[in-house]
Amino acid sequence: MSELAKQYETSYFQRTSLSAVDSFDTISAEQVAPEYPDQPDVQLPTAPKKLPLNPLNQALVIFFVLVCLGFVAANLVIQYQVATTQATIQNYEGQTAQLKKETDIMMNQLAQQFDYQVIKDAAQKQNMTINKDQVKEVAE
């Protein structure tokens, strides 16, 4: 055994009190650890440096940012115009449906007024005679 281990063993068994911590022989890390040759200091990672932009690159970046903003603005304008156009189309379709309905009602009234029986009744009320050959059906 080494000299240090023998010394530790004898001091351990000769101890009389458990609270006497200062009677222990401590082994320092320098005594146990092997010595290594000098190593270079490890540098901590640093934040990356900013990439310097020359004026031409700055101008290009600004140009492309402005182009992208222009595209966004154009998209918003086009969406607004599409929404407005769709609302106008729905309005016109509603008006067209209303006009078609009114036209159908008028055509039915017109067909009823030119019915042979209606003309015959009106002629008889006014003491007129009707010749069936002179009456033309609208539906024909």
Protein backbone atom coordinates (compact mmCIF):
# COMPACT_ATOMS: atom_id res chain seq x y z
CA MET A 1 0.00 0.00 0.00
CA SER A 2 0.99 3.47 -0.57
CA GLU A 3 2.17 5.68 2.19
CA LEU A 4 -0.87 7.96 1.92
CA ALA A 5 -3.33 5.05 2.20
CA LYS A 6 -1.56 3.73 5.32
CA GLN A 7 -1.67 7.16 6.85
CA TYR A 8 -5.39 7.45 6.17
CA GLU A 9 -6.06 4.00 7.58
CA THR A 10 -4.25 4.65 10.84
CA SER A 11 -5.91 8.04 11.34
CA TYR A 12 -9.32 6.53 10.69
CA PHE A 13 -9.03 3.78 13.25
CA GLN A 14 -7.41 6.05 15.85
CA ARG A 15 -10.25 8.51 15.80
CA THR A 16 -12.17 8.68 19.04
CA SER A 17 -14.94 11.11 18.21
CA LEU A 18 -17.21 11.11 15.12
CA SER A 19 -17.61 14.82 15.23
CA ALA A 20 -13.95 15.48 14.75
CA VAL A 21 -13.96 16.03 11.02
CA ASP A 22 -10.75 18.04 11.02
CA SER A 23 -8.77 14.94 12.03
CA PHE A 24 -9.28 13.44 8.52
CA ASP A 25 -6.53 13.68 6.02
CA THR A 26 -8.08 14.94 2.84
CA ILE A 27 -6.76 14.12 -0.53
CA SER A 28 -6.81 17.05 -2.85
CA ALA A 29 -7.80 16.78 -6.48
CA GLU A 30 -4.32 17.79 -7.53
CA GLN A 31 -2.86 14.75 -5.75
CA VAL A 32 -5.22 12.23 -7.36
CA ALA A 33 -5.82 13.61 -10.85
CA PRO A 34 -3.11 13.08 -13.41
CA GLU A 35 -1.52 16.15 -14.78
CA TYR A 36 -2.43 17.09 -18.30
CA PRO A 37 -0.39 19.30 -20.56
CA ASP A 38 -1.55 22.86 -20.83
CA GLN A 39 -4.71 23.04 -22.88
CA PRO A 40 -5.88 26.16 -24.65
CA ASP A 41 -8.69 28.03 -22.99
CA VAL A 42 -12.10 27.12 -24.35
CA GLN A 43 -13.89 30.12 -25.76
CA LEU A 44 -17.58 30.43 -25.19
CA PRO A 45 -19.68 30.78 -28.33
CA THR A 46 -20.45 34.36 -29.17
CA ALA A 47 -23.31 35.87 -31.08
CA PRO A 48 -22.69 35.89 -34.82
CA LYS A 49 -21.56 39.19 -36.19
CA LYS A 50 -23.89 41.15 -38.41
CA LEU A 51 -23.34 40.66 -42.08
CA PRO A 52 -22.30 43.99 -43.46
CA LEU A 53 -24.43 45.03 -46.43
CA ASN A 54 -23.07 47.30 -49.06
CA PRO A 55 -25.36 50.04 -50.40
CA LEU A 56 -26.31 47.98 -53.48
CA ASN A 57 -27.47 45.06 -51.34
CA GLN A 58 -29.35 47.42 -49.03
CA ALA A 59 -31.11 48.95 -52.03
CA LEU A 60 -32.06 45.49 -53.33
CA VAL A 61 -33.46 44.41 -49.96
CA ILE A 62 -35.49 47.62 -49.68
CA PHE A 63 -36.71 47.20 -53.27
CA PHE A 64 -37.90 43.63 -52.70
CA VAL A 65 -39.60 44.57 -49.43
CA LEU A 66 -41.43 47.38 -51.22
CA VAL A 67 -42.44 45.03 -54.05
CA CYS A 68 -43.85 42.56 -51.50
CA LEU A 69 -45.78 45.33 -49.76
CA GLY A 70 -47.10 46.43 -53.16
CA PHE A 71 -48.32 42.91 -53.87
CA VAL A 72 -50.09 42.80 -50.51
CA ALA A 73 -51.78 46.16 -51.19
CA ALA A 74 -52.80 45.07 -54.72
CA ASN A 75 -54.25 41.86 -53.32
CA LEU A 76 -56.36 43.80 -50.81
CA VAL A 77 -57.63 46.17 -53.52
CA ILE A 78 -58.54 43.26 -55.80
CA GLN A 79 -60.36 41.45 -52.98
CA TYR A 80 -62.36 44.62 -52.26
CA GLN A 81 -63.27 45.00 -55.94
CA VAL A 82 -64.33 41.35 -56.19
CA ALA A 83 -66.55 41.70 -53.12
CA THR A 84 -68.11 44.88 -54.52
CA THR A 85 -68.69 43.26 -57.90
CA GLN A 86 -70.32 40.20 -56.30
CA ALA A 87 -72.65 42.44 -54.28
CA THR A 88 -73.60 44.35 -57.44
CA ILE A 89 -74.21 41.10 -59.34
CA GLN A 90 -76.49 39.84 -56.57
CA ASN A 91 -78.38 43.13 -56.67
CA TYR A 92 -78.85 42.86 -60.46
CA GLU A 93 -79.92 39.23 -60.19
CA GLY A 94 -82.54 40.23 -57.61
CA GLN A 95 -83.82 43.01 -59.84
CA THR A 96 -83.90 40.65 -62.84
CA ALA A 97 -85.88 38.07 -60.89
CA GLN A 98 -88.36 40.77 -59.80
CA LEU A 99 -88.77 42.01 -63.39
CA LYS A 100 -89.27 38.45 -64.66
CA LYS A 101 -91.95 37.89 -62.04
CA GLU A 102 -93.74 41.13 -63.01
CA THR A 103 -93.43 40.25 -66.70
CA ASP A 104 -94.97 36.82 -66.12
CA ILE A 105 -97.87 38.40 -64.22
CA MET A 106 -98.47 40.89 -67.08
CA MET A 107 -98.30 38.14 -69.71
CA ASN A 108 -100.91 36.13 -67.78
CA GLN A 109 -103.18 39.17 -67.52
CA LEU A 110 -102.74 39.87 -71.23
CA ALA A 111 -103.51 36.28 -72.14
CA GLN A 112 -106.64 36.40 -69.98
CA GLN A 113 -107.83 39.65 -71.63
CA PHE A 114 -107.44 38.27 -75.16
CA ASP A 115 -109.19 35.00 -74.43
CA TYR A 116 -112.07 34.34 -76.89
CA GLN A 117 -114.62 33.91 -74.12
CA VAL A 118 -113.65 37.24 -72.49
CA ILE A 119 -113.96 39.08 -75.83
CA LYS A 120 -117.31 37.40 -76.54
CA ASP A 121 -118.70 38.40 -73.13
CA ALA A 122 -117.50 41.99 -73.57
CA ALA A 123 -119.10 42.18 -77.05
CA GLN A 124 -122.39 40.83 -75.80
CA LYS A 125 -122.50 43.40 -72.98
CA GLN A 126 -122.23 46.18 -75.53
CA ASN A 127 -124.73 44.58 -77.94
CA MET A 128 -122.12 43.69 -80.52
CA THR A 129 -121.84 40.60 -82.58
CA ILE A 130 -118.66 38.61 -82.93
CA ASN A 131 -117.46 36.59 -85.85
CA LYS A 132 -115.29 33.70 -84.72
CA ASP A 133 -113.28 33.83 -87.97
CA GLN A 134 -112.09 37.35 -87.14
CA VAL A 135 -110.89 36.41 -83.64
CA LYS A 136 -107.34 35.12 -83.54
CA GLU A 137 -106.04 33.11 -80.58
CA VAL A 138 -102.87 34.63 -79.06
CA ALA A 139 -101.49 31.26 -78.14
CA GLU A 140 -101.56 30.04 -81.78
